Protein backbone atom coordinates (compact mmCIF):
# COMPACT_ATOMS: atom_id res chain seq x y z
CA UNK A 1 137.89 5.56 -167.75
CA UNK A 2 136.23 3.26 -170.29
CA UNK A 3 137.92 -0.06 -170.86
CA UNK A 4 139.47 -0.51 -174.29
CA UNK A 5 137.80 -3.05 -176.53
CA UNK A 6 139.93 -6.07 -177.38
CA UNK A 7 139.74 -6.89 -181.09
CA UNK A 8 141.46 -9.40 -183.35
CA UNK A 9 142.73 -9.10 -186.92
CA UNK A 10 140.95 -11.69 -189.07
CA UNK A 11 143.92 -12.35 -191.38
CA UNK A 12 144.38 -15.98 -190.26
CA UNK A 13 140.87 -17.02 -191.32
CA UNK A 14 139.25 -17.12 -194.78
CA UNK A 15 136.09 -19.06 -193.82
CA UNK A 16 132.60 -17.53 -194.25
CA UNK A 17 131.79 -14.55 -192.07
CA UNK A 18 129.01 -16.21 -190.05
CA UNK A 19 131.03 -19.14 -188.66
CA UNK A 20 134.02 -16.85 -188.17
CA UNK A 21 131.93 -14.39 -186.14
CA UNK A 22 130.71 -17.18 -183.87
CA UNK A 23 134.23 -18.52 -183.38
CA UNK A 24 135.70 -15.15 -182.41
CA UNK A 25 132.78 -14.30 -180.13
CA UNK A 26 133.36 -17.62 -178.33
CA UNK A 27 136.96 -16.48 -177.72
CA UNK A 28 135.59 -13.46 -175.81
CA UNK A 29 136.75 -10.78 -178.22
CA UNK A 30 134.86 -7.50 -178.29
CA UNK A 31 135.37 -6.98 -181.99
CA UNK A 32 137.47 -7.52 -185.07
CA UNK A 33 139.71 -5.79 -187.53
CA UNK A 34 138.37 -7.23 -190.77
CA UNK A 35 140.82 -8.16 -193.52
CA UNK A 36 139.39 -6.70 -196.74
CA UNK A 37 141.64 -8.52 -199.17
CA UNK A 38 141.40 -10.94 -202.11
CA UNK A 39 140.25 -14.37 -200.95
CA UNK A 40 138.69 -13.07 -197.72
CA UNK A 41 135.10 -12.56 -196.59
CA UNK A 42 135.00 -9.08 -198.10
CA UNK A 43 137.10 -8.54 -201.21
CA UNK A 44 138.23 -5.06 -202.29
CA UNK A 45 136.26 -5.03 -205.55
CA UNK A 46 133.05 -5.87 -203.66
CA UNK A 47 133.60 -3.66 -200.62
CA UNK A 48 130.59 -1.38 -201.26
CA UNK A 49 128.29 -4.37 -201.58
CA UNK A 50 129.67 -6.69 -198.89
CA UNK A 51 131.23 -4.66 -196.08
CA UNK A 52 127.99 -3.34 -194.50
CA UNK A 53 126.50 -6.84 -194.44
CA UNK A 54 129.65 -8.33 -192.93
CA UNK A 55 129.63 -5.69 -190.20
CA UNK A 56 125.97 -6.48 -189.44
CA UNK A 57 126.78 -10.20 -189.18
CA UNK A 58 129.60 -9.45 -186.77
CA UNK A 59 127.35 -7.15 -184.74
CA UNK A 60 124.76 -9.93 -184.44
CA UNK A 61 127.46 -12.04 -182.77
CA UNK A 62 128.31 -9.18 -180.39
CA UNK A 63 131.43 -8.05 -182.25
CA UNK A 64 132.23 -4.46 -183.18
CA UNK A 65 134.27 -3.57 -186.29
CA UNK A 66 136.25 -0.45 -185.41
CA UNK A 67 138.81 -1.03 -188.16
CA UNK A 68 139.57 -2.87 -191.38
CA UNK A 69 142.87 -3.62 -193.10
CA UNK A 70 142.59 -2.53 -196.71
CA UNK A 71 143.41 0.12 -199.25
CA UNK A 72 142.03 3.64 -198.94
CA UNK A 73 140.43 4.24 -202.31
CA UNK A 74 137.21 6.27 -202.49
CA UNK A 75 134.95 3.20 -202.64
CA UNK A 76 136.49 1.69 -199.51
CA UNK A 77 136.30 4.95 -197.60
CA UNK A 78 132.63 5.36 -198.52
CA UNK A 79 131.83 1.75 -197.60
CA UNK A 80 133.49 2.23 -194.21
CA UNK A 81 131.43 5.36 -193.65
CA UNK A 82 128.22 3.52 -194.46
CA UNK A 83 129.15 0.56 -192.24
CA UNK A 84 130.37 2.69 -189.31
CA UNK A 85 133.99 1.50 -189.55
CA UNK A 86 136.24 4.29 -188.29
CA UNK A 87 139.76 3.31 -189.35
CA UNK A 88 141.36 1.80 -192.44
CA UNK A 89 144.68 0.39 -191.24
CA UNK A 90 147.64 0.28 -193.61
CA UNK A 91 151.39 -0.24 -193.43
CA UNK A 92 153.78 1.91 -195.44
CA UNK A 93 156.39 -0.08 -197.37
CA UNK A 94 159.23 1.98 -198.77
CA UNK A 95 160.22 1.83 -202.44
CA UNK A 96 164.01 1.90 -202.21
CA UNK A 97 164.14 2.62 -205.94
CA UNK A 98 162.71 6.02 -205.01
CA UNK A 99 164.28 6.27 -201.57
CA UNK A 100 162.77 6.82 -198.15
CA UNK A 101 161.89 10.50 -198.29
CA UNK A 102 160.43 10.32 -201.79
CA UNK A 103 158.31 7.32 -200.75
CA UNK A 104 156.98 9.16 -197.70
CA UNK A 105 156.19 12.18 -199.85
CA UNK A 106 154.25 9.94 -202.24
CA UNK A 107 152.18 8.57 -199.35
CA UNK A 108 151.45 12.07 -198.13
CA UNK A 109 150.26 13.11 -201.60
CA UNK A 110 147.96 10.08 -201.70
CA UNK A 111 146.59 10.98 -198.25
CA UNK A 112 146.02 14.56 -199.36
CA UNK A 113 144.00 13.37 -202.36
CA UNK A 114 141.44 11.58 -200.18
CA UNK A 115 141.22 14.01 -197.24
CA UNK A 116 137.84 15.40 -198.38
CA UNK A 117 136.42 11.87 -198.61
CA UNK A 118 137.83 10.91 -195.21
CA UNK A 119 136.25 13.96 -193.60
CA UNK A 120 132.94 13.49 -195.42
CA UNK A 121 132.59 9.86 -194.34
CA UNK A 122 134.13 10.27 -190.84
CA UNK A 123 136.86 7.71 -191.58
CA UNK A 124 140.60 7.79 -190.82
CA UNK A 125 143.59 6.15 -192.43
CA UNK A 126 145.62 4.49 -189.67
CA UNK A 127 149.30 4.01 -190.53
CA UNK A 128 150.97 1.17 -188.62
CA UNK A 129 154.73 1.01 -188.21
CA UNK A 130 156.37 -2.20 -189.49
CA UNK A 131 159.95 -3.45 -189.25
CA UNK A 132 162.13 -3.87 -192.33
CA UNK A 133 161.79 -1.73 -195.44
CA UNK A 134 158.76 0.17 -194.12
CA UNK A 135 158.06 3.19 -191.99
CA UNK A 136 159.16 1.14 -189.03
CA UNK A 137 159.17 3.15 -185.82
CA UNK A 138 157.20 5.61 -183.76
CA UNK A 139 159.54 8.40 -184.79
CA UNK A 140 159.01 7.39 -188.42
CA UNK A 141 155.25 7.66 -187.94
CA UNK A 142 155.64 11.08 -186.35
CA UNK A 143 157.63 12.33 -189.33
CA UNK A 144 155.23 10.83 -191.87
CA UNK A 145 152.05 12.11 -190.22
CA UNK A 146 153.22 15.58 -189.22
CA UNK A 147 150.51 18.14 -189.90
CA UNK A 148 147.60 15.76 -190.36
CA UNK A 149 144.52 15.81 -188.16
CA UNK A 150 144.46 12.33 -186.56
CA UNK A 151 140.74 12.25 -187.23
CA UNK A 152 141.72 11.77 -190.88
CA UNK A 153 145.25 10.28 -190.82
CA UNK A 154 146.52 8.73 -187.60
CA UNK A 155 149.17 6.46 -186.11
CA UNK A 156 148.55 2.82 -185.21
CA UNK A 157 151.38 2.04 -182.81
CA UNK A 158 152.71 -1.53 -182.94
CA UNK A 159 155.26 -2.01 -180.17
CA UNK A 160 156.40 -5.40 -181.49
CA UNK A 161 157.89 -3.62 -184.49
CA UNK A 162 159.23 -0.81 -182.31
CA UNK A 163 160.90 -3.40 -180.08
CA UNK A 164 162.58 -5.03 -183.07
CA UNK A 165 163.78 -1.55 -184.09
CA UNK A 166 164.94 -0.75 -180.55
CA UNK A 167 162.42 1.86 -179.34
CA UNK A 168 161.35 1.49 -175.68
CA UNK A 169 157.65 1.59 -174.76
CA UNK A 170 157.57 4.84 -172.82
CA UNK A 171 159.45 6.74 -175.52
CA UNK A 172 157.45 5.26 -178.44
CA UNK A 173 154.13 6.18 -176.83
CA UNK A 174 155.37 9.68 -175.99
CA UNK A 175 156.46 10.21 -179.59
CA UNK A 176 153.07 9.39 -181.16
CA UNK A 177 150.58 9.98 -178.36
CA UNK A 178 149.07 12.99 -180.14
CA UNK A 179 148.83 11.06 -183.43
CA UNK A 180 146.87 8.06 -182.06
CA UNK A 181 143.16 7.86 -182.79
CA UNK A 182 141.68 4.87 -181.01
CA UNK A 183 143.73 1.91 -182.30
CA UNK A 184 146.88 0.25 -180.92
CA UNK A 185 148.29 -3.20 -181.69
CA UNK A 186 149.32 -5.87 -179.18
CA UNK A 187 151.59 -8.60 -180.52
CA UNK A 188 155.10 -9.82 -179.72
CA UNK A 189 158.37 -10.48 -181.54
CA UNK A 190 162.10 -10.81 -181.03
CA UNK A 191 165.16 -11.17 -183.25
CA UNK A 192 166.26 -14.83 -183.32
CA UNK A 193 169.62 -15.98 -184.61
CA UNK A 194 169.13 -18.56 -187.34
CA UNK A 195 172.71 -19.64 -188.01
CA UNK A 196 175.30 -21.15 -185.73
CA UNK A 197 177.98 -19.41 -183.64
CA UNK A 198 180.69 -20.93 -185.82
CA UNK A 199 179.61 -18.78 -188.76
CA UNK A 200 181.62 -15.66 -189.62
CA UNK A 201 178.56 -13.40 -189.48
CA UNK A 202 175.33 -13.78 -187.50
CA UNK A 203 171.99 -13.89 -189.32
CA UNK A 204 168.83 -12.92 -187.45
CA UNK A 205 165.14 -13.23 -188.31
CA UNK A 206 162.10 -11.84 -186.56
CA UNK A 207 160.21 -14.48 -184.58
CA UNK A 208 156.55 -13.82 -183.74
CA UNK A 209 155.55 -15.15 -180.36
CA UNK A 210 153.30 -14.78 -177.31
CA UNK A 211 153.27 -11.95 -174.77
CA UNK A 212 155.59 -13.82 -172.39
CA UNK A 213 158.51 -13.99 -174.84
CA UNK A 214 158.41 -10.75 -176.83
CA UNK A 215 160.81 -7.83 -176.82
CA UNK A 216 158.61 -5.49 -174.73
CA UNK A 217 156.16 -5.60 -171.84
CA UNK A 218 152.44 -5.69 -172.64
CA UNK A 219 151.75 -4.38 -169.14
CA UNK A 220 154.04 -1.41 -169.74
CA UNK A 221 152.22 -0.60 -172.99
CA UNK A 222 148.80 -0.91 -171.36
CA UNK A 223 149.97 1.33 -168.50
CA UNK A 224 151.17 3.95 -170.97
CA UNK A 225 147.84 3.79 -172.80
CA UNK A 226 146.06 4.41 -169.53
CA UNK A 227 148.41 7.31 -168.74
CA UNK A 228 147.44 9.08 -171.99
CA UNK A 229 143.71 8.37 -171.41
CA UNK A 230 143.52 6.11 -174.46
CA UNK A 231 140.02 5.30 -175.69
CA UNK A 232 139.40 2.76 -178.42
CA UNK A 233 140.56 -0.75 -179.31
CA UNK A 234 143.55 -2.89 -178.44
CA UNK A 235 143.89 -4.99 -181.59
CA UNK A 236 145.61 -8.39 -181.56
CA UNK A 237 147.07 -9.18 -185.01
CA UNK A 238 147.23 -12.93 -184.14
CA UNK A 239 150.65 -13.23 -185.80
CA UNK A 240 152.79 -16.18 -184.72
CA UNK A 241 155.74 -17.90 -186.34
CA UNK A 242 154.94 -21.50 -187.38
CA UNK A 243 156.38 -24.43 -185.46
CA UNK A 244 159.77 -25.70 -186.65
CA UNK A 245 159.56 -27.70 -189.84
CA UNK A 246 156.37 -26.07 -191.10
CA UNK A 247 156.15 -23.85 -194.15
CA UNK A 248 154.88 -20.28 -194.12
CA UNK A 249 155.77 -16.91 -192.65
CA UNK A 250 153.04 -17.08 -190.02
CA UNK A 251 150.51 -19.51 -188.60
CA UNK A 252 147.15 -19.41 -190.33
CA UNK A 253 143.64 -20.62 -189.52
CA UNK A 254 142.96 -22.32 -186.22
CA UNK A 255 146.67 -23.07 -185.84
CA UNK A 256 146.86 -19.69 -184.09
CA UNK A 257 144.26 -20.54 -181.45
CA UNK A 258 146.40 -22.17 -178.72
CA UNK A 259 148.72 -19.14 -178.67
CA UNK A 260 146.00 -16.57 -179.24
CA UNK A 261 144.01 -17.91 -176.27
CA UNK A 262 147.02 -17.34 -174.01
CA UNK A 263 147.47 -13.81 -175.27
CA UNK A 264 143.84 -12.69 -175.16
CA UNK A 265 143.50 -14.01 -171.60
CA UNK A 266 146.59 -12.05 -170.57
CA UNK A 267 145.44 -8.87 -172.28
CA UNK A 268 141.97 -9.21 -170.76
CA UNK A 269 143.57 -9.51 -167.31
CA UNK A 270 145.61 -6.36 -167.95
CA UNK A 271 142.57 -4.40 -169.10
CA UNK A 272 140.56 -5.55 -166.07
CA UNK A 273 143.41 -4.69 -163.73
CA UNK A 274 144.32 -1.27 -165.12
CA UNK A 275 141.12 0.23 -166.50
CA UNK A 276 138.12 1.03 -164.29
């Protein structure tokens, strides 16, 4: 069985693509999930012009680009096809003004509208589950993606969000195993109480952390991926809560590196141990 590639989401870094490619190659990643967003190396309005060149720069540093995080408009789909990027990863926030089911139906209509383009360019939309007011669980992904060919619209399982929602690894993988198309996330989180025990009602927030402290076992997830003959990329979103006293929802830039190095070394050990 081929070993999964280990990739990293480039969200923490906004520096030019060349220096970024060298930095991530030095960390022993096999590839990246490129953030195609305003203020990043490739911006959405310039995706047709800049994405193929960014992918070539990454390739020159030995890094594949199996996925990007972006919207799934026609221009982005076509640019991914030209650049050889297979998956556009999204999350699916729910508009509670419409309600859950109406929001899911709206996503499905938007997927339907681009199915011909996805097939023509050999690109898939990958929907990742996300805690909170999103499609948040494996069972939510199954419901949302029912009936779609995963070569066009697939699930990107993120067990950190499943763990926050209470789904165990074996069950989550079993739920979406037929919806996965070559991309799974590895990051860690737990619910942390942020007020004292003397308060009348507990308040919890999600804390993003390393593999050793999260709400599920990375080894268990890797074992389940092997059991379903997974082929593709294990993507590390590099999401960590800032140290106490620092502003921001997550660490950005090279502030992630001490924690990311621990996690990529652990995931590399798991891949080497479990996959021949």
